[in-house]
Amino acid sequence: MASSFLRVSLLFISLYTADGFMEYVLARCDFNSSDLKDIELINSFYYNMVEYARFSSSLGKYVGYTEFGVKNAENWNKDPSILAQMNAQKETYCKHNIDIDYQNALTKSAEPYVRLSSTEPSGGKHSAMLVCSVYDFYPKQIRVKWTRDGQEVTSDVTSTDELADGDWYYQIHSYLEYTPRSGETFSCMVEHVSLKAPLITDWDPSMTESERNKIAIGASGLILGLVLSLAGFIYYKRKARGKILVPSS
């Protein structure tokens, strides 16, 4: 995770008047490791959704963004006790919470699962497209590759970024456009820190996704029809067994 920043935020509402004006302070910690030198505390002061001043532990002082903010920043920067208190919060607030995050979440991993499907390409030189959808993995870093008859495919491949689900998990979708040939095999290979070996999922090009769905629906309808027919036959036999046959005169 050294290449990406994470953030811990805490919102302090300091004033909310009856006529709708609001002032608040947003404290956040940007970090790419639990080392104190890789952590930055940022304290932002807002009035009516406009940031007018900010404290940054990297600068060690306040900076104003409006006339009102500049005046306040100058006054705060003149008080060594205020600056010392804010710089100390980098360790007491940020470091404390980041250590908890690493212990309980950031050092954990979750294995992905893969779904392969086919879809119609939007255009281009190929008549078919495969989609490799990878879900519920953590951490974010992942590699998705395509192979055709055991050889890696690098052309006609596009991919989304890692998409956050909002619950610590991620998903990604890779697309391969191709022209079908008889007897060929395709596979989607996923490499992730949670996996001991690459996760390889094979695609059967002999049947499209729509054909699979049609067969599944047809089979379900056939089974339902057989069940209803059997139930009707059993009901008929039971009713017939309870009747008394009267000979005609």
Protein backbone atom coordinates (compact mmCIF):
# COMPACT_ATOMS: atom_id res chain seq x y z
CA MET A 1 0.00 0.00 0.00
CA ALA A 2 3.00 2.25 -0.16
CA SER A 3 1.84 3.77 -3.44
CA SER A 4 -1.60 4.88 -2.33
CA PHE A 5 -2.88 7.16 0.41
CA LEU A 6 -5.64 6.25 2.80
CA ARG A 7 -7.56 8.59 5.02
CA VAL A 8 -9.15 8.69 8.45
CA SER A 9 -11.57 11.56 9.00
CA LEU A 10 -13.43 13.00 11.93
CA LEU A 11 -16.02 15.78 11.74
CA PHE A 12 -16.42 18.28 14.55
CA ILE A 13 -19.51 20.49 14.46
CA SER A 14 -18.54 23.61 16.37
CA LEU A 15 -21.48 25.93 15.65
CA TYR A 16 -24.92 25.56 14.10
CA THR A 17 -27.24 28.55 14.48
CA ALA A 18 -31.00 28.60 14.04
CA ASP A 19 -30.91 30.69 10.86
CA GLY A 20 -28.93 28.03 8.98
CA PHE A 21 -25.33 29.30 9.11
CA MET A 22 -22.87 26.55 9.96
CA GLU A 23 -19.23 26.38 10.95
CA TYR A 24 -17.41 23.07 11.35
CA VAL A 25 -13.94 21.54 11.52
CA LEU A 26 -12.90 18.46 9.56
CA ALA A 27 -9.85 16.57 10.83
CA ARG A 28 -8.32 13.95 8.55
CA CYS A 29 -5.20 11.80 8.43
CA ASP A 30 -3.58 10.97 5.08
CA PHE A 31 -1.16 8.03 5.21
CA ASN A 32 0.49 5.29 3.20
CA SER A 33 1.94 3.36 6.15
CA SER A 34 1.73 3.32 9.94
CA ASP A 35 5.11 5.05 10.21
CA LEU A 36 4.74 8.51 11.75
CA LYS A 37 6.77 10.13 8.96
CA ASP A 38 4.27 8.83 6.37
CA ILE A 39 1.28 10.43 8.12
CA GLU A 40 -0.12 13.92 7.62
CA LEU A 41 -2.74 15.52 9.88
CA ILE A 42 -4.96 18.10 8.16
CA ASN A 43 -7.42 20.20 10.15
CA SER A 44 -9.78 22.18 7.89
CA PHE A 45 -12.08 24.97 9.07
CA TYR A 46 -15.28 25.61 7.11
CA TYR A 47 -17.97 28.26 7.20
CA ASN A 48 -21.04 27.74 5.00
CA MET A 49 -19.22 25.00 3.05
CA VAL A 50 -16.22 27.25 2.27
CA GLU A 51 -12.82 26.26 3.71
CA TYR A 52 -11.33 29.41 5.17
CA ALA A 53 -8.29 28.02 7.05
CA ARG A 54 -6.30 24.81 7.43
CA PHE A 55 -3.63 23.32 9.67
CA SER A 56 -1.19 20.87 8.08
CA SER A 57 1.29 18.87 10.14
CA SER A 58 3.57 18.77 7.08
CA LEU A 59 3.82 22.58 7.19
CA GLY A 60 3.57 22.77 10.97
CA LYS A 61 1.32 25.83 10.82
CA TYR A 62 -2.05 27.25 9.75
CA VAL A 63 -2.80 28.62 6.27
CA GLY A 64 -5.70 30.98 5.48
CA TYR A 65 -7.73 30.87 2.25
CA THR A 66 -10.06 33.84 2.78
CA GLU A 67 -9.55 37.26 4.34
CA PHE A 68 -11.13 35.99 7.54
CA GLY A 69 -9.04 32.81 7.39
CA VAL A 70 -5.75 34.64 6.83
CA LYS A 71 -6.36 36.80 9.92
CA ASN A 72 -7.16 33.76 12.06
CA ALA A 73 -4.17 31.80 10.73
CA GLU A 74 -1.83 34.65 11.60
CA ASN A 75 -3.16 34.80 15.16
CA TRP A 76 -3.00 31.02 15.68
CA ASN A 77 0.53 30.78 14.26
CA LYS A 78 1.69 33.36 16.84
CA ASP A 79 0.74 31.04 19.71
CA PRO A 80 3.37 28.26 20.17
CA SER A 81 1.05 26.30 22.50
CA ILE A 82 -1.63 26.00 19.79
CA LEU A 83 0.90 24.80 17.21
CA ALA A 84 2.42 22.31 19.67
CA GLN A 85 -1.02 20.93 20.51
CA MET A 86 -1.95 20.47 16.84
CA ASN A 87 1.38 18.84 15.93
CA ALA A 88 0.96 16.43 18.86
CA GLN A 89 -2.40 15.28 17.46
CA LYS A 90 -0.60 13.70 14.53
CA GLU A 91 0.54 11.00 16.95
CA THR A 92 -2.25 10.97 19.53
CA TYR A 93 -5.09 10.98 17.00
CA CYS A 94 -3.74 9.85 13.62
CA LYS A 95 -1.13 7.29 14.68
CA HIS A 96 -3.46 5.77 17.26
CA ASN A 97 -6.32 5.22 14.79
CA ILE A 98 -4.08 4.13 11.93
CA ASP A 99 -2.48 1.42 14.09
CA ILE A 100 -5.98 0.11 14.85
CA ASP A 101 -6.84 0.13 11.13
CA TYR A 102 -3.73 -1.84 10.20
CA GLN A 103 -4.31 -4.34 12.98
CA ASN A 104 -7.96 -5.01 12.18
CA ALA A 105 -8.34 -4.42 8.46
CA LEU A 106 -5.47 -3.12 6.34
CA THR A 107 -3.24 -6.18 6.82
CA LYS A 108 -6.07 -8.60 6.05
CA SER A 109 -6.98 -9.93 2.62
CA ALA A 110 -10.07 -11.38 0.96
CA GLU A 111 -10.01 -13.84 -1.93
CA PRO A 112 -11.78 -12.79 -5.16
CA TYR A 113 -14.32 -14.83 -7.06
CA VAL A 114 -14.65 -14.74 -10.83
CA ARG A 115 -17.54 -14.82 -13.29
CA LEU A 116 -16.99 -15.26 -17.02
CA SER A 117 -19.64 -14.18 -19.51
CA SER A 118 -19.99 -13.22 -23.15
CA THR A 119 -21.52 -10.09 -24.60
CA GLU A 120 -21.93 -8.35 -27.92
CA PRO A 121 -19.03 -6.01 -28.77
CA SER A 122 -20.00 -2.40 -29.39
CA GLY A 123 -18.05 -2.34 -32.65
CA GLY A 124 -14.59 -2.93 -34.01
CA LYS A 125 -12.98 -5.72 -35.98
CA HIS A 126 -14.09 -8.67 -33.82
CA SER A 127 -17.46 -10.40 -33.60
CA ALA A 128 -17.34 -11.63 -30.00
CA MET A 129 -16.40 -10.37 -26.55
CA LEU A 130 -15.70 -12.09 -23.23
CA VAL A 131 -16.05 -10.39 -19.85
CA CYS A 132 -14.06 -11.47 -16.79
CA SER A 133 -15.69 -9.97 -13.69
CA VAL A 134 -13.75 -10.24 -10.43
CA TYR A 135 -15.59 -9.48 -7.20
CA ASP A 136 -15.10 -9.06 -3.43
CA PHE A 137 -11.31 -8.87 -3.21
CA TYR A 138 -9.14 -6.92 -0.79
CA PRO A 139 -6.67 -5.24 -0.85
CA LYS A 140 -7.10 -3.19 -4.01
CA GLN A 141 -4.02 -4.30 -5.96
CA ILE A 142 -4.86 -7.08 -8.43
CA ARG A 143 -3.81 -8.36 -11.86
CA VAL A 144 -6.21 -9.83 -14.43
CA LYS A 145 -4.88 -11.56 -17.57
CA TRP A 146 -6.35 -13.44 -20.52
CA THR A 147 -4.94 -16.58 -22.16
CA ARG A 148 -5.89 -18.10 -25.49
CA ASP A 149 -4.88 -21.75 -25.94
CA GLY A 150 -2.50 -21.29 -23.02
CA GLN A 151 -0.79 -18.17 -24.41
CA GLU A 152 -1.27 -14.74 -22.82
CA VAL A 153 -3.35 -12.29 -24.86
CA THR A 154 -2.28 -8.66 -24.71
CA SER A 155 -4.09 -7.09 -27.68
CA ASP A 156 -7.80 -6.22 -27.83
CA VAL A 157 -7.99 -6.27 -24.02
CA THR A 158 -9.51 -3.44 -21.99
CA SER A 159 -10.20 -3.19 -18.28
CA THR A 160 -11.91 -0.98 -15.74
CA ASP A 161 -10.08 0.42 -12.74
CA GLU A 162 -10.47 -1.31 -9.40
CA LEU A 163 -13.94 -0.17 -8.32
CA ALA A 164 -14.64 0.30 -4.61
CA ASP A 165 -17.84 -1.33 -3.35
CA GLY A 166 -17.93 0.93 -0.30
CA ASP A 167 -17.51 -1.98 2.15
CA TRP A 168 -13.67 -2.41 1.90
CA TYR A 169 -14.10 -4.79 -1.04
CA TYR A 170 -13.32 -4.08 -4.71
CA GLN A 171 -14.37 -5.33 -8.13
CA ILE A 172 -12.83 -5.13 -11.58
CA HIS A 173 -13.98 -6.08 -15.09
CA SER A 174 -11.73 -7.08 -17.99
CA TYR A 175 -12.92 -7.33 -21.60
CA LEU A 176 -11.46 -9.41 -24.43
CA GLU A 177 -12.63 -8.90 -28.03
CA TYR A 178 -11.92 -11.81 -30.35
CA THR A 179 -12.93 -13.65 -33.51
CA PRO A 180 -14.06 -17.21 -32.60
CA ARG A 181 -12.16 -20.19 -34.00
CA SER A 182 -13.14 -23.84 -33.64
CA GLY A 183 -11.47 -25.76 -30.82
CA GLU A 184 -9.81 -22.80 -29.09
CA THR A 185 -9.84 -22.27 -25.33
CA PHE A 186 -9.93 -19.07 -23.29
CA SER A 187 -9.08 -18.51 -19.65
CA CYS A 188 -9.12 -15.58 -17.27
CA MET A 189 -6.19 -15.55 -14.83
CA VAL A 190 -6.33 -13.53 -11.61
CA GLU A 191 -3.31 -12.82 -9.41
CA HIS A 192 -3.89 -11.39 -5.93
CA VAL A 193 -2.08 -11.32 -2.60
CA SER A 194 -4.84 -13.42 -1.01
CA LEU A 195 -4.23 -16.30 -3.44
CA LYS A 196 -1.49 -18.92 -3.03
CA ALA A 197 -1.58 -19.52 -6.79
CA PRO A 198 -3.21 -17.69 -9.73
CA LEU A 199 -6.96 -18.23 -9.96
CA ILE A 200 -7.69 -19.56 -13.45
CA THR A 201 -11.24 -19.72 -14.80
CA ASP A 202 -11.85 -21.40 -18.17
CA TRP A 203 -14.42 -20.38 -20.75
CA ASP A 204 -16.25 -22.86 -22.99
CA PRO A 205 -16.66 -21.13 -26.37
CA SER A 206 -18.94 -23.87 -27.72
CA MET A 207 -21.99 -22.27 -26.07
CA THR A 208 -22.79 -18.60 -25.53
CA GLU A 209 -24.21 -17.18 -22.32
CA SER A 210 -27.63 -16.60 -23.94
CA GLU A 211 -27.73 -20.21 -25.12
CA ARG A 212 -26.92 -21.41 -21.61
CA ASN A 213 -29.74 -19.29 -20.21
CA LYS A 214 -32.22 -20.60 -22.78
CA ILE A 215 -31.30 -24.20 -21.98
CA ALA A 216 -31.58 -23.55 -18.24
CA ILE A 217 -35.02 -21.94 -18.66
CA GLY A 218 -36.20 -24.74 -20.92
CA ALA A 219 -35.00 -27.43 -18.53
CA SER A 220 -36.70 -25.70 -15.60
CA GLY A 221 -39.97 -25.54 -17.54
CA LEU A 222 -39.74 -29.22 -18.48
CA ILE A 223 -39.13 -30.28 -14.88
CA LEU A 224 -42.02 -28.12 -13.65
CA GLY A 225 -44.32 -29.65 -16.29
CA LEU A 226 -43.36 -33.18 -15.25
CA VAL A 227 -43.96 -32.40 -11.58
CA LEU A 228 -47.41 -30.96 -12.30
CA SER A 229 -48.34 -33.92 -14.53
CA LEU A 230 -47.26 -36.40 -11.86
CA ALA A 231 -49.21 -34.53 -9.19
CA GLY A 232 -52.33 -34.57 -11.41
CA PHE A 233 -51.99 -38.30 -12.09
CA ILE A 234 -51.64 -39.11 -8.37
CA TYR A 235 -54.68 -36.96 -7.55
CA TYR A 236 -56.74 -38.69 -10.25
CA LYS A 237 -55.80 -42.19 -9.00
CA ARG A 238 -56.74 -41.32 -5.43
CA LYS A 239 -60.13 -39.93 -6.48
CA ALA A 240 -60.84 -42.96 -8.66
CA ARG A 241 -59.98 -45.37 -5.80
CA GLY A 242 -62.63 -43.74 -3.56
CA LYS A 243 -65.56 -44.09 -6.03
CA ILE A 244 -68.15 -46.98 -6.04
CA LEU A 245 -68.94 -48.26 -9.52
CA VAL A 246 -72.70 -48.87 -10.07
CA PRO A 247 -73.61 -51.20 -12.97
CA SER A 248 -76.03 -49.84 -15.50
CA SER A 249 -79.47 -51.50 -15.80
